[in-house]
């Protein structure tokens, strides 16, 4: 019985190690895969929403902009890797991308912590205007992407 448990644990650890080692060498996307907007809104729709829903939309738009805007010289959509642009897939370049992803994650988390404390005090009309502005910015990124095919 003890040897079966030991064998199962050893097998599990080996499988986990192999899967981790394989994913380590896969090229990473420059833009996170979870960056997408499911729906754009107009003023009338936003005015019918509760403030809590508006806060969620506002934060979602900030997240998308934070994760896309610094990389528009490369891409505006997820799935693009360094190799796509001929950037050598060296350890140094992968580490630089990892550092950037960590910095972006930290910045975003800090921003969300602040937003969650302060944003509920914002004026509803200003919140709606900001959401519309962010959505127009995201639409402009799509236009930029279409006009900047390589």
N, C-alpha and C. Protein backbone atom coordinates (compact mmCIF):
# COMPACT_ATOMS: atom_id res chain seq x y z
N UNK A 1 0.82 -1.19 0.00
CA UNK A 1 0.00 0.00 0.00
C UNK A 1 0.87 1.26 0.00
N UNK A 2 1.90 1.26 0.87
CA UNK A 2 2.77 2.42 0.96
C UNK A 2 3.51 2.63 -0.35
N UNK A 3 3.91 1.55 -1.01
CA UNK A 3 4.64 1.69 -2.27
C UNK A 3 3.72 2.21 -3.38
N UNK A 4 2.43 1.87 -3.34
CA UNK A 4 1.49 2.38 -4.34
C UNK A 4 1.32 3.89 -4.20
N UNK A 5 1.18 4.37 -2.97
CA UNK A 5 1.03 5.80 -2.72
C UNK A 5 2.29 6.53 -3.16
N UNK A 6 3.44 5.97 -2.84
CA UNK A 6 4.71 6.58 -3.24
C UNK A 6 4.82 6.61 -4.76
N UNK A 7 4.46 5.54 -5.42
CA UNK A 7 4.52 5.46 -6.88
C UNK A 7 3.57 6.48 -7.52
N UNK A 8 2.37 6.61 -6.99
CA UNK A 8 1.40 7.56 -7.53
C UNK A 8 1.91 8.99 -7.34
N UNK A 9 2.45 9.30 -6.18
CA UNK A 9 2.99 10.64 -5.92
C UNK A 9 4.15 10.95 -6.84
N UNK A 10 5.04 9.98 -7.02
CA UNK A 10 6.20 10.16 -7.89
C UNK A 10 5.76 10.38 -9.33
N UNK A 11 4.79 9.60 -9.78
CA UNK A 11 4.27 9.75 -11.13
C UNK A 11 3.65 11.13 -11.33
N UNK A 12 2.87 11.58 -10.36
CA UNK A 12 2.25 12.90 -10.44
C UNK A 12 3.31 13.99 -10.52
N UNK A 13 4.33 13.91 -9.69
CA UNK A 13 5.40 14.92 -9.70
C UNK A 13 6.14 14.93 -11.03
N UNK A 14 6.41 13.77 -11.58
CA UNK A 14 7.10 13.70 -12.87
C UNK A 14 6.24 14.31 -13.99
N UNK A 15 4.95 14.01 -13.97
CA UNK A 15 4.06 14.57 -14.99
C UNK A 15 3.97 16.09 -14.86
N UNK A 16 3.89 16.57 -13.65
CA UNK A 16 3.83 18.02 -13.42
C UNK A 16 5.13 18.68 -13.87
N UNK A 17 6.25 18.05 -13.59
CA UNK A 17 7.55 18.59 -14.00
C UNK A 17 7.71 18.65 -15.50
N UNK A 18 7.27 17.60 -16.19
CA UNK A 18 7.37 17.56 -17.64
C UNK A 18 6.48 18.63 -18.27
N UNK A 19 5.26 18.76 -17.79
CA UNK A 19 4.35 19.76 -18.37
C UNK A 19 4.85 21.17 -18.10
N UNK A 20 5.44 21.42 -16.95
CA UNK A 20 5.99 22.74 -16.65
C UNK A 20 7.18 23.03 -17.54
N UNK A 21 8.04 22.05 -17.75
CA UNK A 21 9.22 22.24 -18.59
C UNK A 21 8.83 22.52 -20.03
N UNK A 22 7.78 21.89 -20.52
CA UNK A 22 7.36 22.11 -21.89
C UNK A 22 6.76 23.49 -22.08
N UNK A 23 5.98 23.96 -21.14
CA UNK A 23 5.35 25.27 -21.29
C UNK A 23 6.35 26.40 -21.12
N UNK A 24 7.47 26.14 -20.53
CA UNK A 24 8.49 27.16 -20.30
C UNK A 24 9.10 27.63 -21.61
N UNK A 25 9.23 26.72 -22.60
CA UNK A 25 9.88 27.06 -23.85
C UNK A 25 8.91 27.58 -24.92
N UNK A 26 7.61 27.53 -24.65
CA UNK A 26 6.65 28.03 -25.62
C UNK A 26 6.76 29.54 -25.70
N UNK A 27 6.63 30.09 -26.91
CA UNK A 27 6.69 31.55 -27.04
C UNK A 27 5.50 32.19 -26.34
N UNK A 28 5.77 33.27 -25.63
CA UNK A 28 4.72 33.98 -24.91
C UNK A 28 4.14 35.07 -25.80
N UNK A 29 2.86 35.27 -25.62
CA UNK A 29 2.18 36.34 -26.33
C UNK A 29 2.58 37.68 -25.72
N UNK A 30 2.80 38.66 -26.57
CA UNK A 30 3.16 40.00 -26.08
C UNK A 30 1.97 40.62 -25.36
N UNK A 31 0.78 40.40 -25.91
CA UNK A 31 -0.45 40.91 -25.30
C UNK A 31 -1.19 39.74 -24.69
N UNK A 32 -1.61 39.89 -23.47
CA UNK A 32 -2.31 38.85 -22.72
C UNK A 32 -3.53 38.34 -23.49
N UNK A 33 -3.79 37.04 -23.36
CA UNK A 33 -4.93 36.42 -24.05
C UNK A 33 -6.27 36.88 -23.50
N UNK A 34 -6.31 37.38 -22.28
CA UNK A 34 -7.59 37.77 -21.67
C UNK A 34 -7.99 39.21 -21.97
N UNK A 35 -7.37 39.79 -22.99
CA UNK A 35 -7.67 41.16 -23.34
C UNK A 35 -8.67 41.19 -24.48
N UNK A 36 -9.91 41.43 -24.12
CA UNK A 36 -10.93 41.60 -25.15
C UNK A 36 -12.14 42.30 -24.55
N UNK A 37 -12.87 42.93 -25.41
CA UNK A 37 -14.08 43.62 -24.99
C UNK A 37 -15.24 42.95 -25.70
N UNK A 38 -16.22 42.53 -24.93
CA UNK A 38 -17.31 41.78 -25.53
C UNK A 38 -18.36 42.69 -26.16
N UNK A 39 -18.51 43.90 -25.64
CA UNK A 39 -19.56 44.78 -26.14
C UNK A 39 -19.20 46.23 -25.91
N UNK A 40 -19.48 47.04 -26.92
CA UNK A 40 -19.38 48.48 -26.77
C UNK A 40 -20.77 49.01 -26.43
N UNK A 41 -20.81 50.11 -25.72
CA UNK A 41 -22.09 50.65 -25.25
C UNK A 41 -22.30 52.05 -25.80
N UNK A 42 -23.54 52.47 -25.83
CA UNK A 42 -23.84 53.86 -26.14
C UNK A 42 -24.30 54.54 -24.84
N UNK A 43 -24.41 55.84 -24.91
CA UNK A 43 -24.75 56.61 -23.71
C UNK A 43 -26.08 56.15 -23.11
N UNK A 44 -27.07 55.88 -23.96
CA UNK A 44 -28.39 55.48 -23.47
C UNK A 44 -28.31 54.19 -22.65
N UNK A 45 -27.55 53.22 -23.14
CA UNK A 45 -27.38 51.96 -22.40
C UNK A 45 -26.72 52.20 -21.05
N UNK A 46 -25.68 53.01 -21.06
CA UNK A 46 -24.93 53.28 -19.83
C UNK A 46 -25.78 54.02 -18.81
N UNK A 47 -26.60 54.94 -19.28
CA UNK A 47 -27.44 55.70 -18.36
C UNK A 47 -28.49 54.82 -17.67
N UNK A 48 -28.82 53.68 -18.25
CA UNK A 48 -29.79 52.77 -17.65
C UNK A 48 -29.14 51.81 -16.65
N UNK A 49 -27.82 51.77 -16.60
CA UNK A 49 -27.12 50.84 -15.71
C UNK A 49 -26.96 51.43 -14.31
N UNK A 50 -26.87 50.53 -13.34
CA UNK A 50 -26.58 50.92 -11.97
C UNK A 50 -25.11 51.32 -11.86
N UNK A 51 -24.80 52.09 -10.85
CA UNK A 51 -23.44 52.58 -10.69
C UNK A 51 -22.43 51.44 -10.50
N UNK A 52 -22.83 50.38 -9.81
CA UNK A 52 -21.92 49.24 -9.62
C UNK A 52 -21.52 48.61 -10.94
N UNK A 53 -22.47 48.46 -11.85
CA UNK A 53 -22.16 47.91 -13.17
C UNK A 53 -21.25 48.85 -13.95
N UNK A 54 -21.47 50.15 -13.81
CA UNK A 54 -20.63 51.14 -14.48
C UNK A 54 -19.19 51.06 -13.96
N UNK A 55 -19.05 50.89 -12.66
CA UNK A 55 -17.71 50.77 -12.07
C UNK A 55 -16.99 49.56 -12.66
N UNK A 56 -17.71 48.45 -12.81
CA UNK A 56 -17.11 47.25 -13.40
C UNK A 56 -16.67 47.47 -14.83
N UNK A 57 -17.52 48.13 -15.63
CA UNK A 57 -17.15 48.43 -17.02
C UNK A 57 -15.93 49.35 -17.08
N UNK A 58 -15.93 50.36 -16.23
CA UNK A 58 -14.81 51.31 -16.19
C UNK A 58 -13.50 50.57 -15.92
N UNK A 59 -13.51 49.72 -14.89
CA UNK A 59 -12.30 48.97 -14.54
C UNK A 59 -11.89 48.00 -15.64
N UNK A 60 -12.85 47.38 -16.30
CA UNK A 60 -12.54 46.46 -17.39
C UNK A 60 -11.87 47.20 -18.55
N UNK A 61 -12.37 48.38 -18.87
CA UNK A 61 -11.77 49.17 -19.97
C UNK A 61 -10.36 49.61 -19.62
N UNK A 62 -10.15 49.99 -18.36
CA UNK A 62 -8.79 50.36 -17.94
C UNK A 62 -7.84 49.17 -18.10
N UNK A 63 -8.29 48.00 -17.69
CA UNK A 63 -7.44 46.81 -17.80
C UNK A 63 -7.03 46.56 -19.25
N UNK A 64 -7.97 46.65 -20.16
CA UNK A 64 -7.68 46.39 -21.56
C UNK A 64 -6.68 47.42 -22.09
N UNK A 65 -6.89 48.67 -21.76
CA UNK A 65 -5.99 49.73 -22.24
C UNK A 65 -4.59 49.55 -21.67
N UNK A 66 -4.50 49.23 -20.37
CA UNK A 66 -3.19 49.04 -19.73
C UNK A 66 -2.44 47.87 -20.37
N UNK A 67 -3.17 46.85 -20.78
CA UNK A 67 -2.52 45.66 -21.33
C UNK A 67 -2.25 45.75 -22.83
N UNK A 68 -2.84 46.73 -23.53
CA UNK A 68 -2.63 46.86 -24.97
C UNK A 68 -1.77 48.06 -25.34
N UNK A 69 -2.08 49.22 -24.79
CA UNK A 69 -1.49 50.48 -25.24
C UNK A 69 0.04 50.49 -25.30
N UNK A 70 0.75 49.94 -24.32
CA UNK A 70 2.22 49.99 -24.42
C UNK A 70 2.80 49.19 -25.58
N UNK A 71 1.98 48.35 -26.21
CA UNK A 71 2.51 47.43 -27.22
C UNK A 71 2.00 47.73 -28.63
N UNK A 72 1.37 48.88 -28.86
CA UNK A 72 0.77 49.10 -30.17
C UNK A 72 1.80 49.20 -31.29
N UNK A 73 3.05 49.42 -30.96
CA UNK A 73 4.08 49.40 -32.00
C UNK A 73 4.29 47.98 -32.53
N UNK A 74 3.89 46.98 -31.73
CA UNK A 74 3.99 45.58 -32.14
C UNK A 74 2.64 45.04 -32.61
N UNK A 75 1.65 45.18 -31.75
CA UNK A 75 0.36 44.55 -32.03
C UNK A 75 -0.72 45.18 -31.17
N UNK A 76 -1.96 44.93 -31.56
CA UNK A 76 -3.09 45.40 -30.76
C UNK A 76 -4.02 44.26 -30.39
N UNK A 77 -3.64 43.05 -30.76
CA UNK A 77 -4.47 41.88 -30.46
C UNK A 77 -3.61 40.79 -29.83
N UNK A 78 -4.21 39.96 -29.01
CA UNK A 78 -3.47 38.86 -28.37
C UNK A 78 -2.99 37.83 -29.39
N UNK A 79 -2.01 37.05 -28.97
CA UNK A 79 -1.53 35.95 -29.80
C UNK A 79 -0.24 36.24 -30.55
N UNK A 80 0.18 37.49 -30.58
CA UNK A 80 1.40 37.86 -31.28
C UNK A 80 2.58 37.64 -30.34
N UNK A 81 3.59 36.93 -30.83
CA UNK A 81 4.77 36.65 -30.02
C UNK A 81 5.96 37.46 -30.53
N UNK A 82 7.05 37.41 -29.79
CA UNK A 82 8.26 38.10 -30.25
C UNK A 82 8.74 37.52 -31.57
N UNK A 83 8.63 36.23 -31.72
CA UNK A 83 9.07 35.57 -32.95
C UNK A 83 8.29 36.06 -34.17
N UNK A 84 7.04 36.45 -33.97
CA UNK A 84 6.22 36.97 -35.07
C UNK A 84 6.91 38.16 -35.73
N UNK A 85 7.61 38.95 -34.96
CA UNK A 85 8.26 40.15 -35.46
C UNK A 85 9.75 39.97 -35.69
N UNK A 86 10.21 38.74 -35.60
CA UNK A 86 11.62 38.47 -35.83
C UNK A 86 12.51 38.80 -34.66
N UNK A 87 11.93 39.02 -33.49
CA UNK A 87 12.72 39.28 -32.28
C UNK A 87 13.27 37.94 -31.82
N UNK A 88 14.56 37.83 -31.65
CA UNK A 88 15.14 36.55 -31.24
C UNK A 88 14.54 36.05 -29.92
N UNK A 89 14.22 34.77 -29.88
CA UNK A 89 13.62 34.15 -28.71
C UNK A 89 14.72 33.68 -27.77
N UNK A 90 15.48 34.66 -27.27
CA UNK A 90 16.59 34.35 -26.37
C UNK A 90 16.12 34.43 -24.93
N UNK A 91 16.93 33.87 -24.05
CA UNK A 91 16.61 33.91 -22.63
C UNK A 91 16.50 35.36 -22.15
N UNK A 92 17.39 36.21 -22.62
CA UNK A 92 17.39 37.61 -22.23
C UNK A 92 16.10 38.31 -22.66
N UNK A 93 15.65 38.07 -23.89
CA UNK A 93 14.42 38.68 -24.38
C UNK A 93 13.19 38.13 -23.67
N UNK A 94 13.19 36.82 -23.40
CA UNK A 94 12.06 36.23 -22.66
C UNK A 94 12.00 36.81 -21.25
N UNK A 95 13.16 36.97 -20.61
CA UNK A 95 13.19 37.57 -19.27
C UNK A 95 12.70 39.01 -19.29
N UNK A 96 13.07 39.75 -20.34
CA UNK A 96 12.61 41.14 -20.46
C UNK A 96 11.09 41.18 -20.59
N UNK A 97 10.53 40.27 -21.39
CA UNK A 97 9.08 40.22 -21.53
C UNK A 97 8.41 39.80 -20.22
N UNK A 98 9.00 38.83 -19.54
CA UNK A 98 8.46 38.41 -18.23
C UNK A 98 8.48 39.57 -17.23
N UNK A 99 9.58 40.32 -17.22
CA UNK A 99 9.68 41.48 -16.32
C UNK A 99 8.61 42.52 -16.65
N UNK A 100 8.38 42.74 -17.95
CA UNK A 100 7.37 43.70 -18.38
C UNK A 100 5.97 43.24 -17.98
N UNK A 101 5.69 41.96 -18.16
CA UNK A 101 4.39 41.40 -17.78
C UNK A 101 4.18 41.54 -16.27
N UNK A 102 5.23 41.25 -15.49
CA UNK A 102 5.14 41.40 -14.03
C UNK A 102 4.90 42.86 -13.63
N UNK A 103 5.60 43.78 -14.30
CA UNK A 103 5.44 45.21 -13.99
C UNK A 103 4.04 45.68 -14.35
N UNK A 104 3.53 45.23 -15.48
CA UNK A 104 2.18 45.61 -15.90
C UNK A 104 1.15 45.06 -14.92
N UNK A 105 1.34 43.82 -14.50
CA UNK A 105 0.41 43.20 -13.55
C UNK A 105 0.42 43.95 -12.23
N UNK A 106 1.61 44.30 -11.76
CA UNK A 106 1.74 45.04 -10.50
C UNK A 106 1.08 46.42 -10.61
N UNK A 107 1.35 47.12 -11.72
CA UNK A 107 0.76 48.44 -11.93
C UNK A 107 -0.76 48.34 -11.98
N UNK A 108 -1.25 47.35 -12.72
CA UNK A 108 -2.70 47.20 -12.84
C UNK A 108 -3.33 46.90 -11.48
N UNK A 109 -2.71 46.02 -10.71
CA UNK A 109 -3.26 45.67 -9.40
C UNK A 109 -3.28 46.89 -8.48
N UNK A 110 -2.22 47.67 -8.51
CA UNK A 110 -2.16 48.89 -7.71
C UNK A 110 -3.25 49.87 -8.14
N UNK A 111 -3.43 50.00 -9.44
CA UNK A 111 -4.46 50.90 -9.97
C UNK A 111 -5.85 50.43 -9.54
N UNK A 112 -6.09 49.13 -9.62
CA UNK A 112 -7.41 48.60 -9.24
C UNK A 112 -7.66 48.76 -7.75
N UNK A 113 -6.63 48.58 -6.93
CA UNK A 113 -6.79 48.80 -5.48
C UNK A 113 -7.23 50.24 -5.21
N UNK A 114 -6.58 51.18 -5.89
CA UNK A 114 -6.94 52.59 -5.75
C UNK A 114 -8.35 52.84 -6.27
N UNK A 115 -8.63 52.34 -7.47
CA UNK A 115 -9.94 52.56 -8.09
C UNK A 115 -11.07 52.01 -7.22
N UNK A 116 -10.86 50.84 -6.64
CA UNK A 116 -11.91 50.23 -5.82
C UNK A 116 -12.21 51.04 -4.56
N UNK A 117 -11.24 51.80 -4.10
CA UNK A 117 -11.45 52.63 -2.91
C UNK A 117 -12.02 54.00 -3.26
N UNK A 118 -11.55 54.59 -4.35
CA UNK A 118 -11.87 55.98 -4.66
C UNK A 118 -12.97 56.13 -5.71
N UNK A 119 -12.99 55.26 -6.70
CA UNK A 119 -13.92 55.40 -7.82
C UNK A 119 -15.40 55.43 -7.43
N UNK A 120 -15.82 54.70 -6.40
CA UNK A 120 -17.24 54.78 -6.03
C UNK A 120 -17.72 56.19 -5.67
N UNK A 121 -16.81 57.10 -5.37
CA UNK A 121 -17.18 58.47 -5.06
C UNK A 121 -17.35 59.34 -6.30
N UNK A 122 -17.04 58.78 -7.46
CA UNK A 122 -17.10 59.57 -8.69
C UNK A 122 -18.54 59.89 -9.07
N UNK A 123 -18.69 60.95 -9.79
CA UNK A 123 -19.99 61.36 -10.30
C UNK A 123 -20.40 60.38 -11.41
N UNK A 124 -21.64 59.97 -11.40
CA UNK A 124 -22.15 58.99 -12.35
C UNK A 124 -21.99 59.49 -13.80
N UNK A 125 -22.28 60.75 -14.05
CA UNK A 125 -22.17 61.32 -15.40
C UNK A 125 -20.71 61.29 -15.88
N UNK A 126 -19.78 61.60 -14.98
CA UNK A 126 -18.36 61.55 -15.35
C UNK A 126 -17.91 60.13 -15.63
N UNK A 127 -18.44 59.20 -14.87
CA UNK A 127 -18.12 57.78 -15.06
C UNK A 127 -18.59 57.32 -16.45
N UNK A 128 -19.79 57.70 -16.82
CA UNK A 128 -20.33 57.34 -18.15
C UNK A 128 -19.47 57.98 -19.24
N UNK A 129 -19.12 59.23 -19.08
CA UNK A 129 -18.28 59.91 -20.07
C UNK A 129 -16.92 59.22 -20.21
N UNK A 130 -16.35 58.80 -19.09
CA UNK A 130 -15.05 58.13 -19.13
C UNK A 130 -15.15 56.77 -19.82
N UNK A 131 -16.20 56.02 -19.55
CA UNK A 131 -16.39 54.72 -20.21
C UNK A 131 -16.51 54.92 -21.72
N UNK A 132 -17.29 55.90 -22.13
CA UNK A 132 -17.44 56.18 -23.56
C UNK A 132 -16.11 56.59 -24.19
N UNK A 133 -15.32 57.37 -23.47
CA UNK A 133 -14.00 57.77 -23.96
C UNK A 133 -13.10 56.55 -24.12
N UNK A 134 -13.06 55.69 -23.12
CA UNK A 134 -12.23 54.49 -23.20
C UNK A 134 -12.68 53.58 -24.34
N UNK A 135 -13.97 53.46 -24.53
CA UNK A 135 -14.46 52.62 -25.62
C UNK A 135 -14.08 53.22 -26.98
N UNK A 136 -14.14 54.53 -27.11
CA UNK A 136 -13.70 55.17 -28.37
C UNK A 136 -12.21 54.95 -28.59
N UNK A 137 -11.44 54.98 -27.52
CA UNK A 137 -10.01 54.71 -27.62
C UNK A 137 -9.77 53.29 -28.10
N UNK A 138 -10.52 52.34 -27.56
CA UNK A 138 -10.38 50.94 -27.98
C UNK A 138 -10.81 50.75 -29.43
N UNK A 139 -11.86 51.44 -29.85
CA UNK A 139 -12.27 51.39 -31.26
C UNK A 139 -11.17 51.96 -32.15
N UNK A 140 -10.54 53.03 -31.69
CA UNK A 140 -9.44 53.63 -32.46
C UNK A 140 -8.27 52.66 -32.59
N UNK A 141 -8.03 51.86 -31.55
CA UNK A 141 -6.97 50.85 -31.64
C UNK A 141 -7.28 49.81 -32.70
N UNK A 142 -8.56 49.46 -32.85
CA UNK A 142 -8.95 48.52 -33.90
C UNK A 142 -8.72 49.13 -35.28
N UNK A 143 -9.06 50.41 -35.44
CA UNK A 143 -8.83 51.09 -36.71
C UNK A 143 -7.33 51.17 -36.99
N UNK A 144 -6.55 51.50 -35.97
CA UNK A 144 -5.09 51.55 -36.10
C UNK A 144 -4.56 50.19 -36.56
N UNK A 145 -5.07 49.13 -35.96
CA UNK A 145 -4.64 47.78 -36.28
C UNK A 145 -4.97 47.43 -37.73
N UNK A 146 -6.15 47.80 -38.19
CA UNK A 146 -6.54 47.51 -39.56
C UNK A 146 -5.71 48.29 -40.57
N UNK A 147 -5.32 49.51 -40.22
CA UNK A 147 -4.53 50.35 -41.14
C UNK A 147 -3.04 50.06 -41.06
N UNK A 148 -2.63 49.27 -40.09
CA UNK A 148 -1.21 49.02 -39.87
C UNK A 148 -0.89 47.54 -40.06
N UNK A 149 -1.31 46.99 -41.14
CA UNK A 149 -1.02 45.57 -41.43
C UNK A 149 0.41 45.48 -41.94
N UNK A 150 1.10 44.46 -41.45
CA UNK A 150 2.49 44.28 -41.89
C UNK A 150 2.61 43.19 -42.88
